[in-house]
Structures are given as C-alpha cells and as structure tokens.
Amino acid sequence: MLLREVEVFRSVMSVGSASKAAALLGVTQPAISQSLRRLEESAG
C-alpha cells in the first residue's frame, strides 16, 4: 500500500465524501477515485 492512498482513504472516511476530501487535499475528485482504486488493487 502506498502512503498517499491510505491518506486519501482516511480523508474520505473522515469527511464523508470524495468531493469534500478532494477539496481538503487540494486535488480533483477523479484523483481521489484513482487513489482509492489503486489502494483497492494493492489490497487485493
């Protein structure tokens, strides 16, 4: 697992939505989705 993907996952869980997490992290919502997809793939 990559640290950034875990950080993104934690942010989404903390604020309750991908769009709010994106705003908090200063990235786009599609970037959040890609990070979550990479995390899921690495977890198997």
Protein backbone atom coordinates (compact mmCIF):
# COMPACT_ATOMS: atom_id res chain seq x y z
CA MET A 1 0.00 0.00 0.00
CA LEU A 2 1.12 3.46 -0.77
CA LEU A 3 1.08 6.09 1.96
CA ARG A 4 -0.71 8.65 -0.21
CA GLU A 5 -3.56 6.24 -0.98
CA VAL A 6 -4.01 5.50 2.72
CA GLU A 7 -4.05 9.24 3.44
CA VAL A 8 -6.72 9.74 0.77
CA PHE A 9 -8.80 6.87 2.18
CA ARG A 10 -8.54 8.30 5.70
CA SER A 11 -9.60 11.73 4.47
CA VAL A 12 -12.62 10.35 2.62
CA MET A 13 -13.72 8.42 5.70
CA SER A 14 -13.14 11.44 7.93
CA VAL A 15 -15.16 13.96 5.92
CA GLY A 16 -17.70 11.53 4.47
CA SER A 17 -17.33 12.13 0.74
CA ALA A 18 -14.80 12.03 -2.05
CA SER A 19 -15.57 15.58 -3.20
CA LYS A 20 -15.04 17.04 0.29
CA ALA A 21 -11.82 15.06 0.67
CA ALA A 22 -10.66 16.34 -2.72
CA ALA A 23 -11.22 19.93 -1.62
CA LEU A 24 -9.44 19.29 1.66
CA LEU A 25 -6.43 17.70 -0.06
CA GLY A 26 -6.34 20.18 -2.94
CA VAL A 27 -6.92 17.63 -5.69
CA THR A 28 -9.76 16.76 -8.05
CA GLN A 29 -12.47 14.23 -7.26
CA PRO A 30 -11.27 11.94 -10.09
CA ALA A 31 -7.81 11.94 -8.47
CA ILE A 32 -9.43 10.75 -5.24
CA SER A 33 -11.21 7.97 -7.12
CA GLN A 34 -7.96 6.87 -8.77
CA SER A 35 -6.17 6.78 -5.43
CA LEU A 36 -8.94 4.68 -3.90
CA ARG A 37 -8.83 2.32 -6.89
CA ARG A 38 -5.04 1.89 -6.50
CA LEU A 39 -5.49 1.20 -2.79
CA GLU A 40 -8.16 -1.41 -3.52
CA GLU A 41 -5.97 -3.09 -6.15
CA SER A 42 -2.95 -3.19 -3.84
CA ALA A 43 -5.03 -4.68 -1.03
CA GLY A 44 -6.15 -7.46 -3.33
